[in-house]
Amino acid sequence: MHTRHPIECIVPPYVLRSIQANGTPAQQVWAMRTLTNSAQFRGQRQVLAEIAPLALAPRVVGKRRMIYDAEHGFILPGRLVRSEGDPPTGDPAVDEAYDGSGHTYDLFSEIFGRDSIDGRGLQLDSTVHYQSSYDNAFWNGQQMVYGDGDEDLPPAERLFNRFTLSLDVIGHELTHGVTQYEARLVYWNQPGALNESFSDVFGILTRQRALNQTAAESDWLIGAELLTSNVNGKAIRSMAEPGTAYNDPILGRDPQPGHMNDYVNTFDDNGGVHINSGIPNRAFYITARELGGFAWERAGQIWYYALRDRLQPQSNFQDAATATYELAGELYGSGSLEQQAVRTGWAEVGITVGEVPQPEPGPVPIPQPVPGKGCLPVAASVLDPVLRLGRRRSS
């Protein structure tokens, strides 16, 4: 069993290593700092994920948000600066973390009937202003943590904005908490890529619902607000077109595949968890577009119940495809538009589910003997090719 247990960050490690290799001296320093600071949490998140279902907190009904300020230090959670019901502070990072966790809570509560991350009203703690020039956001198994991006660098060298600026990133990271309490997908290879993909799915649904966007109206980009104008890119990931989010001399090129033919076998990135998540991401995107309307109403329901009720820690892409296809049939009817959309979504990325059974060949009619010279020989001559056809069909 693999034991790599990094925290679940929005910016993949291969992007930070690319900055280390290609950036300016200042950019290289903060990229190394971000990688190093993230490493201190390795193991902590996995331990918390494993004990979380065994240590459920008493049920507390309702939304409870607490925002803390690390004041550019590393001690968590930091100084409490805003609690549930408090007015805006005027600090954009504090207020964005507060609003973003609220939008995420509302999606799970009002659409899926789930009371917070653990389903039991878990308090949503967030820490902003973590470290200096910390270019990431992550769920550490207990709370959210956000860096401020490249605010300390000269404007011409800034690559990332503050990480609370992106609502789908907030929804993405908080969904790692939901996965921690439900499927507990192992953060390695295909289970880890599913872990990342489910976070992208509910991250984009959080933003779509907050903006009242249909599947057709959404840009399906993750982290579009994070990249500065200095970067040749449009987002961290594209769910609609994996592999097209950025192509930059410093960040590198988006390596995500959108089809199983291009699946990346690697030991990097925990077996490609941020890379190969493009495949299930696109499957969800296609399913949602096939169905039309608001993606959280049908496609989101199917994916949520798969995460909550069907998937296991070692589930792979085929398991997810099968689970969503079967759930679509259970929720909306066998052969329904919803089930067909799920099948199409997975088929478009090279994964087959719900093969349409071919009708069984009917009985071959036996011709009647033709009166005339030697009826029996005539009947036998007519039947001979029919029998040969029957043998071919049965072979």
Protein backbone atom coordinates (compact mmCIF):
# COMPACT_ATOMS: atom_id res chain seq x y z
CA MET A 1 0.00 0.00 0.00
CA HIS A 2 1.27 3.47 -0.82
CA THR A 3 1.71 5.79 2.14
CA ARG A 4 2.18 9.18 0.53
CA HIS A 5 -0.19 11.54 2.34
CA PRO A 6 0.26 15.17 1.27
CA ILE A 7 -2.26 17.81 2.09
CA GLU A 8 -4.78 18.48 -0.64
CA CYS A 9 -3.68 21.76 -2.24
CA ILE A 10 -5.25 23.53 -5.18
CA VAL A 11 -1.92 24.31 -6.90
CA PRO A 12 -0.26 21.03 -7.92
CA PRO A 13 3.37 20.39 -6.89
CA TYR A 14 4.51 20.12 -10.52
CA VAL A 15 3.49 23.76 -11.09
CA LEU A 16 5.54 24.89 -8.11
CA ARG A 17 8.54 22.85 -9.29
CA SER A 18 8.21 24.42 -12.73
CA ILE A 19 8.36 27.85 -11.10
CA GLN A 20 11.44 26.73 -9.17
CA ALA A 21 13.11 25.79 -12.43
CA ASN A 22 11.99 28.68 -14.64
CA GLY A 23 11.11 31.63 -12.41
CA THR A 24 13.04 34.67 -11.32
CA PRO A 25 15.19 34.33 -8.16
CA ALA A 26 12.37 35.80 -6.04
CA GLN A 27 9.79 33.49 -7.60
CA GLN A 28 12.05 30.49 -7.02
CA VAL A 29 12.37 31.39 -3.34
CA TRP A 30 8.63 31.56 -2.69
CA ALA A 31 7.96 28.41 -4.73
CA MET A 32 10.44 26.52 -2.54
CA ARG A 33 8.88 28.07 0.57
CA THR A 34 5.40 26.98 -0.49
CA LEU A 35 6.55 23.42 -1.18
CA THR A 36 8.44 23.27 2.12
CA ASN A 37 5.63 24.73 4.22
CA SER A 38 3.11 22.33 2.69
CA ALA A 39 5.35 19.39 3.55
CA GLN A 40 4.98 20.00 7.29
CA PHE A 41 1.36 18.88 7.05
CA ARG A 42 2.12 15.57 5.39
CA GLY A 43 0.62 12.74 7.37
CA GLN A 44 -1.58 15.02 9.51
CA ARG A 45 -4.42 15.17 6.97
CA GLN A 46 -4.42 11.42 6.37
CA VAL A 47 -4.48 10.62 10.08
CA LEU A 48 -7.38 13.00 10.57
CA ALA A 49 -9.18 11.54 7.56
CA GLU A 50 -8.88 8.04 8.98
CA ILE A 51 -10.18 8.91 12.44
CA ALA A 52 -12.80 11.46 11.38
CA PRO A 53 -15.65 8.94 10.88
CA LEU A 54 -14.82 7.39 14.27
CA ALA A 55 -14.81 10.68 16.16
CA LEU A 56 -18.00 12.39 15.08
CA ALA A 57 -18.72 15.59 16.96
CA PRO A 58 -22.10 16.06 18.63
CA ARG A 59 -24.68 17.25 16.13
CA VAL A 60 -25.09 21.02 16.00
CA VAL A 61 -27.64 22.28 13.52
CA GLY A 62 -26.94 25.29 11.34
CA LYS A 63 -24.20 27.24 9.64
CA ARG A 64 -21.21 28.15 11.83
CA ARG A 65 -18.28 29.99 10.25
CA MET A 66 -15.15 31.16 12.05
CA ILE A 67 -12.44 33.09 10.20
CA TYR A 68 -8.95 33.44 11.66
CA ASP A 69 -5.94 35.55 10.71
CA ALA A 70 -2.51 33.88 10.79
CA GLU A 71 -0.95 37.34 10.42
CA HIS A 72 1.58 35.87 7.98
CA GLY A 73 2.72 33.29 10.51
CA PHE A 74 2.33 29.52 10.50
CA ILE A 75 0.46 28.88 13.77
CA LEU A 76 -3.08 27.62 13.15
CA PRO A 77 -5.79 28.66 13.46
CA GLY A 78 -4.52 32.15 14.37
CA ARG A 79 -6.46 35.13 15.74
CA LEU A 80 -10.26 35.01 15.43
CA VAL A 81 -11.42 37.97 13.31
CA ARG A 82 -14.96 37.11 12.19
CA SER A 83 -17.64 34.76 13.55
CA GLU A 84 -21.01 33.63 12.24
CA GLY A 85 -23.33 36.60 11.88
CA ASP A 86 -20.64 39.26 12.26
CA PRO A 87 -20.61 42.12 9.73
CA PRO A 88 -17.91 42.35 7.05
CA THR A 89 -14.49 43.33 8.34
CA GLY A 90 -13.25 45.20 5.28
CA ASP A 91 -10.38 42.73 4.87
CA PRO A 92 -11.09 41.13 1.47
CA ALA A 93 -9.46 37.80 2.36
CA VAL A 94 -11.43 37.48 5.60
CA ASP A 95 -14.75 38.37 4.00
CA GLU A 96 -14.17 36.20 0.91
CA ALA A 97 -13.36 33.19 3.11
CA TYR A 98 -16.50 33.87 5.14
CA ASP A 99 -18.76 34.26 2.11
CA GLY A 100 -17.18 31.36 0.21
CA SER A 101 -17.58 28.88 3.05
CA GLY A 102 -21.18 30.10 3.36
CA HIS A 103 -21.91 29.47 -0.32
CA THR A 104 -20.38 26.00 -0.03
CA TYR A 105 -22.41 25.21 3.08
CA ASP A 106 -25.58 26.40 1.33
CA LEU A 107 -24.97 24.17 -1.69
CA PHE A 108 -24.60 21.03 0.41
CA SER A 109 -27.39 21.98 2.81
CA GLU A 110 -30.06 23.28 0.45
CA ILE A 111 -29.40 21.05 -2.56
CA PHE A 112 -28.14 17.80 -1.03
CA GLY A 113 -29.61 17.99 2.48
CA ARG A 114 -26.19 17.80 4.13
CA ASP A 115 -25.46 19.78 7.29
CA SER A 116 -21.87 20.97 6.81
CA ILE A 117 -18.72 18.98 5.99
CA ASP A 118 -19.44 16.01 8.26
CA GLY A 119 -23.23 16.05 7.88
CA ARG A 120 -23.54 16.93 11.57
CA GLY A 121 -23.07 20.70 11.57
CA LEU A 122 -19.28 20.82 11.79
CA GLN A 123 -17.98 24.34 12.38
CA LEU A 124 -16.27 25.72 9.28
CA ASP A 125 -12.92 27.18 10.34
CA SER A 126 -10.77 29.11 7.88
CA THR A 127 -7.40 30.80 8.29
CA VAL A 128 -6.29 33.59 5.95
CA HIS A 129 -2.98 35.43 5.52
CA TYR A 130 -1.06 32.20 6.06
CA GLN A 131 2.70 32.77 5.83
CA SER A 132 4.16 35.30 3.39
CA SER A 133 3.97 34.71 -0.36
CA TYR A 134 2.24 31.37 0.25
CA ASP A 135 0.84 30.39 -3.13
CA ASN A 136 -1.73 27.80 -2.22
CA ALA A 137 -4.92 26.92 -0.38
CA PHE A 138 -5.60 23.63 1.35
CA TRP A 139 -7.83 21.58 3.62
CA ASN A 140 -5.64 20.09 6.38
CA GLY A 141 -8.19 17.63 7.71
CA GLN A 142 -9.68 20.09 10.20
CA GLN A 143 -9.89 23.50 8.56
CA MET A 144 -9.25 25.63 5.49
CA VAL A 145 -5.99 27.56 5.05
CA TYR A 146 -5.39 30.29 2.44
CA GLY A 147 -2.25 32.03 1.26
CA ASP A 148 -2.13 35.56 -0.09
CA GLY A 149 -0.39 34.79 -3.36
CA ASP A 150 2.46 36.94 -4.59
CA GLU A 151 1.58 40.17 -2.82
CA ASP A 152 5.20 40.58 -1.62
CA LEU A 153 6.70 40.36 -5.11
CA PRO A 154 7.07 43.26 -7.55
CA PRO A 155 3.91 43.56 -9.69
CA ALA A 156 5.74 42.39 -12.82
CA GLU A 157 6.72 39.11 -11.11
CA ARG A 158 3.38 38.22 -9.55
CA LEU A 159 1.85 34.98 -10.81
CA PHE A 160 -0.91 34.29 -8.27
CA ASN A 161 -3.54 36.45 -6.63
CA ARG A 162 -4.84 35.78 -3.12
CA PHE A 163 -6.47 32.37 -2.91
CA THR A 164 -9.73 33.45 -1.30
CA LEU A 165 -10.54 35.31 -4.52
CA SER A 166 -11.80 32.12 -6.23
CA LEU A 167 -15.15 30.78 -4.98
CA ASP A 168 -14.75 27.45 -6.78
CA VAL A 169 -11.37 26.96 -5.07
CA ILE A 170 -13.04 27.47 -1.68
CA GLY A 171 -15.75 24.96 -2.61
CA HIS A 172 -13.12 22.58 -3.97
CA GLU A 173 -11.07 22.52 -0.78
CA LEU A 174 -14.07 22.21 1.55
CA THR A 175 -15.31 19.27 -0.52
CA HIS A 176 -12.11 17.44 0.41
CA GLY A 177 -13.60 17.52 3.90
CA VAL A 178 -16.83 15.92 2.66
CA THR A 179 -14.83 13.18 0.95
CA GLN A 180 -12.91 12.69 4.20
CA TYR A 181 -16.16 11.83 5.98
CA GLU A 182 -17.71 9.79 3.16
CA ALA A 183 -15.87 7.79 0.48
CA ARG A 184 -12.43 8.55 2.04
CA LEU A 185 -10.81 8.13 -1.35
CA VAL A 186 -7.13 7.31 -0.95
CA TYR A 187 -4.95 10.14 -2.24
CA TRP A 188 -3.05 8.08 -4.78
CA ASN A 189 -3.51 7.10 -8.45
CA GLN A 190 -7.12 6.84 -9.65
CA PRO A 191 -8.76 7.04 -6.19
CA GLY A 192 -6.76 10.22 -5.57
CA ALA A 193 -7.69 11.62 -8.99
CA LEU A 194 -11.35 10.95 -8.15
CA ASN A 195 -10.79 12.74 -4.83
CA GLU A 196 -9.56 15.78 -6.76
CA SER A 197 -12.29 15.50 -9.38
CA PHE A 198 -15.16 15.39 -6.88
CA SER A 199 -13.71 18.53 -5.30
CA ASP A 200 -13.64 20.23 -8.70
CA VAL A 201 -17.22 19.11 -9.37
CA PHE A 202 -18.65 20.57 -6.18
CA GLY A 203 -16.34 23.55 -6.38
CA ILE A 204 -17.73 24.51 -9.79
CA LEU A 205 -21.28 23.77 -8.62
CA THR A 206 -20.75 26.14 -5.68
CA ARG A 207 -19.81 28.93 -8.07
CA GLN A 208 -22.51 28.12 -10.63
CA ARG A 209 -25.22 28.18 -7.97
CA ALA A 210 -23.95 31.40 -6.39
CA LEU A 211 -24.05 33.03 -9.85
CA ASN A 212 -27.27 31.23 -10.86
CA GLN A 213 -25.51 29.87 -13.96
CA THR A 214 -26.74 27.01 -16.12
CA ALA A 215 -24.36 24.37 -17.40
CA ALA A 216 -24.28 26.16 -20.74
CA GLU A 217 -23.49 29.54 -19.17
CA SER A 218 -20.59 28.37 -16.97
CA ASP A 219 -16.99 28.60 -18.16
CA TRP A 220 -16.15 25.35 -16.28
CA LEU A 221 -12.81 26.79 -15.16
CA ILE A 222 -11.26 26.08 -11.76
CA GLY A 223 -9.26 28.93 -10.23
CA ALA A 224 -9.74 31.44 -13.03
CA GLU A 225 -9.33 34.33 -10.59
CA LEU A 226 -6.01 33.08 -9.24
CA LEU A 227 -3.74 33.78 -12.22
CA THR A 228 -2.45 37.30 -12.70
CA SER A 229 -2.17 38.98 -16.09
CA ASN A 230 1.52 38.01 -16.12
CA VAL A 231 0.56 34.37 -16.76
CA ASN A 232 -0.31 32.97 -20.16
CA GLY A 233 -3.32 31.03 -18.97
CA LYS A 234 -6.99 31.22 -18.06
CA ALA A 235 -7.19 29.05 -14.90
CA ILE A 236 -5.61 26.23 -12.91
CA ARG A 237 -7.80 23.63 -14.66
CA SER A 238 -10.49 23.43 -17.32
CA MET A 239 -13.19 20.81 -16.78
CA ALA A 240 -14.51 21.27 -20.31
CA GLU A 241 -11.13 21.10 -22.04
CA PRO A 242 -8.52 19.45 -19.82
CA GLY A 243 -5.00 20.35 -20.87
CA THR A 244 -5.84 23.87 -22.07
CA ALA A 245 -5.86 25.88 -18.83
CA TYR A 246 -2.37 27.38 -19.19
CA ASN A 247 0.76 27.24 -21.32
CA ASP A 248 3.26 29.52 -19.68
CA PRO A 249 7.07 29.74 -19.78
CA ILE A 250 7.23 29.82 -15.97
CA LEU A 251 4.25 27.69 -14.87
CA GLY A 252 4.71 25.17 -17.67
CA ARG A 253 1.94 23.59 -19.71
CA ASP A 254 -1.30 22.14 -18.35
CA PRO A 255 -0.67 18.35 -18.41
CA GLN A 256 -4.25 17.16 -17.86
CA PRO A 257 -5.65 14.52 -20.23
CA GLY A 258 -9.32 14.42 -21.16
CA HIS A 259 -9.46 10.81 -22.35
CA MET A 260 -8.24 7.42 -21.10
CA ASN A 261 -6.10 7.11 -24.25
CA ASP A 262 -3.94 9.87 -22.78
CA TYR A 263 -3.91 8.67 -19.17
CA VAL A 264 -0.62 9.59 -17.49
CA ASN A 265 1.16 6.84 -15.54
CA THR A 266 3.49 8.60 -13.12
CA PHE A 267 4.83 8.54 -9.58
CA ASP A 268 4.80 12.34 -9.54
CA ASP A 269 1.86 14.19 -8.02
CA ASN A 270 0.89 11.14 -5.95
CA GLY A 271 0.36 9.06 -9.05
CA GLY A 272 -1.08 11.96 -11.04
CA VAL A 273 -3.99 12.96 -8.80
CA HIS A 274 -4.14 16.51 -10.19
CA ILE A 275 -3.25 15.36 -13.70
CA ASN A 276 -5.64 12.48 -14.42
CA SER A 277 -8.55 14.13 -12.62
CA GLY A 278 -9.15 15.80 -15.99
CA ILE A 279 -10.75 12.57 -17.22
CA PRO A 280 -13.60 12.29 -14.66
CA ASN A 281 -13.89 16.09 -14.71
CA ARG A 282 -14.73 16.03 -18.40
CA ALA A 283 -17.14 13.13 -17.88
CA PHE A 284 -19.11 15.25 -15.42
CA TYR A 285 -18.98 18.30 -17.69
CA ILE A 286 -20.37 16.33 -20.65
CA THR A 287 -23.08 14.75 -18.49
CA ALA A 288 -24.16 18.18 -17.23
CA ARG A 289 -24.16 19.69 -20.71
CA GLU A 290 -26.16 16.75 -22.08
CA LEU A 291 -28.80 17.33 -19.41
CA GLY A 292 -28.83 21.12 -19.65
CA GLY A 293 -30.28 23.48 -17.07
CA PHE A 294 -28.67 23.81 -13.65
CA ALA A 295 -25.95 21.19 -13.19
CA TRP A 296 -26.60 20.77 -9.46
CA GLU A 297 -30.17 19.61 -10.05
CA ARG A 298 -29.53 16.26 -11.71
CA ALA A 299 -25.88 15.63 -12.55
CA GLY A 300 -24.85 17.00 -9.16
CA GLN A 301 -27.35 14.77 -7.37
CA ILE A 302 -26.00 11.68 -9.09
CA TRP A 303 -22.38 12.54 -8.28
CA TYR A 304 -23.20 13.44 -4.67
CA TYR A 305 -24.93 10.16 -3.92
CA ALA A 306 -22.08 8.27 -5.57
CA LEU A 307 -19.62 10.01 -3.24
CA ARG A 308 -21.82 9.52 -0.19
CA ASP A 309 -23.16 6.01 -0.69
CA ARG A 310 -21.27 4.01 -3.31
CA LEU A 311 -17.58 4.78 -3.58
CA GLN A 312 -14.93 3.23 -1.35
CA PRO A 313 -11.35 4.30 -0.47
CA GLN A 314 -9.84 2.31 -3.36
CA SER A 315 -12.51 3.06 -6.00
CA ASN A 316 -11.19 3.74 -9.50
CA PHE A 317 -12.60 5.50 -12.57
CA GLN A 318 -14.55 2.45 -13.71
CA ASP A 319 -16.10 2.13 -10.25
CA ALA A 320 -17.17 5.78 -10.35
CA ALA A 321 -18.60 5.38 -13.84
CA THR A 322 -20.57 2.30 -12.84
CA ALA A 323 -21.82 3.90 -9.63
CA THR A 324 -23.03 7.08 -11.33
CA TYR A 325 -24.67 5.13 -14.14
CA GLU A 326 -26.52 2.84 -11.73
CA LEU A 327 -27.56 5.75 -9.53
CA ALA A 328 -28.91 7.63 -12.52
CA GLY A 329 -31.12 4.64 -13.23
CA GLU A 330 -32.26 4.37 -9.63
CA LEU A 331 -32.97 8.08 -9.24
CA TYR A 332 -34.50 8.83 -12.63
CA GLY A 333 -35.40 5.49 -14.18
CA SER A 334 -33.65 2.86 -16.26
CA GLY A 335 -32.96 4.16 -19.73
CA SER A 336 -33.89 7.72 -18.67
CA LEU A 337 -32.38 10.81 -20.24
CA GLU A 338 -30.26 11.18 -17.10
CA GLN A 339 -28.87 7.66 -17.35
CA GLN A 340 -28.15 8.10 -21.05
CA ALA A 341 -26.33 11.38 -20.29
CA VAL A 342 -24.13 9.67 -17.71
CA ARG A 343 -23.29 6.91 -20.17
CA THR A 344 -22.43 9.48 -22.82
CA GLY A 345 -20.28 11.44 -20.39
CA TRP A 346 -18.11 8.47 -19.52
CA ALA A 347 -18.05 7.14 -23.10
CA GLU A 348 -16.64 10.47 -24.30
CA VAL A 349 -13.60 9.96 -22.06
CA GLY A 350 -13.11 6.32 -23.00
CA ILE A 351 -14.93 4.51 -20.17
CA THR A 352 -17.81 2.19 -21.01
CA VAL A 353 -20.84 1.71 -18.78
CA GLY A 354 -24.33 0.42 -19.41
CA GLU A 355 -23.81 -1.33 -22.72
CA VAL A 356 -27.11 -1.43 -24.58
CA PRO A 357 -27.91 -5.15 -24.86
CA GLN A 358 -28.35 -6.41 -28.41
CA PRO A 359 -31.65 -8.20 -29.03
CA GLU A 360 -31.41 -11.97 -29.09
CA PRO A 361 -31.87 -13.39 -32.59
CA GLY A 362 -35.34 -14.81 -33.03
CA PRO A 363 -36.04 -18.40 -34.12
CA VAL A 364 -35.18 -19.11 -37.72
CA PRO A 365 -38.40 -19.94 -39.58
CA ILE A 366 -38.45 -23.47 -40.99
CA PRO A 367 -39.71 -23.40 -44.56
CA GLN A 368 -42.45 -25.79 -45.60
CA PRO A 369 -41.52 -28.57 -48.01
CA VAL A 370 -42.19 -27.63 -51.62
CA PRO A 371 -44.40 -30.18 -53.41
CA GLY A 372 -42.79 -31.68 -56.47
CA LYS A 373 -40.14 -34.13 -57.29
CA GLY A 374 -38.88 -35.54 -54.04
CA CYS A 375 -40.31 -33.23 -51.42
CA LEU A 376 -37.81 -34.34 -48.78
CA PRO A 377 -34.71 -33.56 -50.84
CA VAL A 378 -36.18 -30.12 -51.70
CA ALA A 379 -36.84 -29.34 -48.04
CA ALA A 380 -33.33 -30.46 -47.08
CA SER A 381 -31.74 -28.28 -49.73
CA VAL A 382 -33.70 -25.25 -48.51
CA LEU A 383 -32.90 -25.90 -44.88
CA ASP A 384 -29.19 -26.49 -45.36
CA PRO A 385 -28.15 -22.80 -45.66
CA VAL A 386 -30.52 -21.88 -42.82
CA LEU A 387 -28.87 -24.45 -40.57
CA ARG A 388 -25.46 -23.17 -41.57
CA LEU A 389 -26.62 -19.61 -40.68
CA GLY A 390 -27.83 -20.83 -37.32
CA ARG A 391 -24.45 -22.44 -36.63
CA ARG A 392 -22.65 -19.21 -37.48
CA ARG A 393 -24.89 -17.22 -35.13
CA SER A 394 -24.38 -19.67 -32.28
CA SER A 395 -20.64 -19.98 -32.77
